[in-house]
Amino acid sequence: MASGAHAVRAAGVEHPDVGTLALGRGGAYAADPDGGLALIYNPAGFGGQDGLRATLDANLAWQRLTFTPAGGEPAVSNGAPPFLAPAAVVSLGLGRTGPLAGLTFAAGVAGPSAIGKLQYPAAGAQRYALISTDTQIVYWSAAVAAAFNRWLAAGVTFQLVKGSARFNQAVWSGDSPGTDPAADALAHVDVTSGFIPTAILGVTGRPTERVSVGVSYRRGFTFDASGSLTTDLPAAARAIGAHQIGTATGFTLPLPDVVRAGVLVRPRPRWLVEGDVVYERWSALRSIALLPRGIVIASDNLGTSKPLPDIVFQKNFDDAFSVRLGGEHELVPERLTVRAGYLHETSAVPFASTSVDFPNWQRDVVALGASLAIPRTSVTLDVAYAHHFLPARTVTASAIQQVVTPCLTPGCTDPAPTVVGNGSYDASLDVLSASLRLALGP
């Protein structure tokens, strides 16, 4: 009984991607990435590596969202703490191997680029859409990349996705339409997925020493989880002996194909500029579903019971596109590099589907970053910061409705759900990122 999956790419459920180097360049990192997060952006970037590399990376994201209901109720805001999305990657480049100019193996783990924690007032006007969520989705990854010659490299990342989601929201349990908190039930969903396979394919061409062109593709998949759905019923329901039988539920959330294409140019020896285009097939996300498995709502006093039907939340997302432009300059040779970037992204979230669960529609992102090679070591420290500007939205024809519990009175029909998504939404996002990179070998 929830309004959506508060889980995991950009413009839809997810935000722009993890990785300090990529963040500092506004996400323009698909042409020829040379850090550990090539594992996610374009594994062909590993193709020319020699020696051992290790990356520890983490994003810390502050999500601000305020919802002011159209009905005049008090505004509510997200009060969750910053959300941490870590990553760790190790890669080993074997150099020239047989007919290959280079061969590299890599393995790593990365958290999502989504915001996995949101917290709103339990009695706030948003409660029928969401009260709180705590979601963790992890991408376990292994990659192999090869440089076939000086000009061409290719790679593939195999991923197993595993995650868990816990979220709470209010459910209307009155006999007639309304929003009286005394008639609210409180639904708790706690689900965990198995290992879900996907993969990323990447190719990088280097037509000249100063130009690289890269393309990568991540196959879409469905986050399919199972667990429990439990409900705290209001006093009026308990008075007629109402109770829930069974707790097992399934949960499905489709995630999109992602295509990245980038061109990297080194106009001068210490300068780098890259432009990327990213396409995400969010039209695959038509709906999110909770699938109760034999759950029944029954009343001992009335002698009635009803099975809980599938709970389907229509999202009807659109495909999303982003344009990313970033660059960097080696300010102090072999010691200090600075970078900056800009990203514009269209919204996958239609106005009617705007809600407090996925505060991620059209955005413009400005980013800054730097890298410092620590003297007398093989370690580099990277930092980056990005601010995401989201236009305020005023929704007047919302499709966000209450979930309604089955009516147990003999001969009754379930009350019509009340639309609860109309109002103004004001959001922004700040992301701070840091990483340590170790390089051993040539």
Foldseek 3Di string as FASTA:
>chain_A
DAQFFQDFDAQANFHAWFDQVCQQFQNQAQFQHCAQCCLPRFVQNCAQDAAKKKKKKKKWKDKWKWFDFPVRFDIKIWDDHTDMKIKIKMKHKHADDVQFRIKMKMWMKIKHRGGFWTAIDCLGLQQLHFHIKHKTKMWTKIKMKTHNDPFKIKMKIKTWIKMKMKTKGWFAADQAEDRPPLRTKMKIDIKIADTDIKMKIKMWGDPDPFKIKMKMKIAKDKRKIKDFMAIHGHPVCVVQQKHKDDTIKIKIFTFWMKMKIKMWGDPDPFKIKMKMKMKTACQVGQKIKIADDQMKIDGPNQGFIDHDHIDIHGFRFHIKMKMKIKMKGQPDPPFKMKMWMKMWMAHRGDLQNDGPSRPGGTWIKIKIKMKGDDPPFQKIKIKMKMKIADDKDAHDNHPAWGHHDADGHPPGGTYDTDHSGGGMMGIMMMMIMMMMMGGDDD
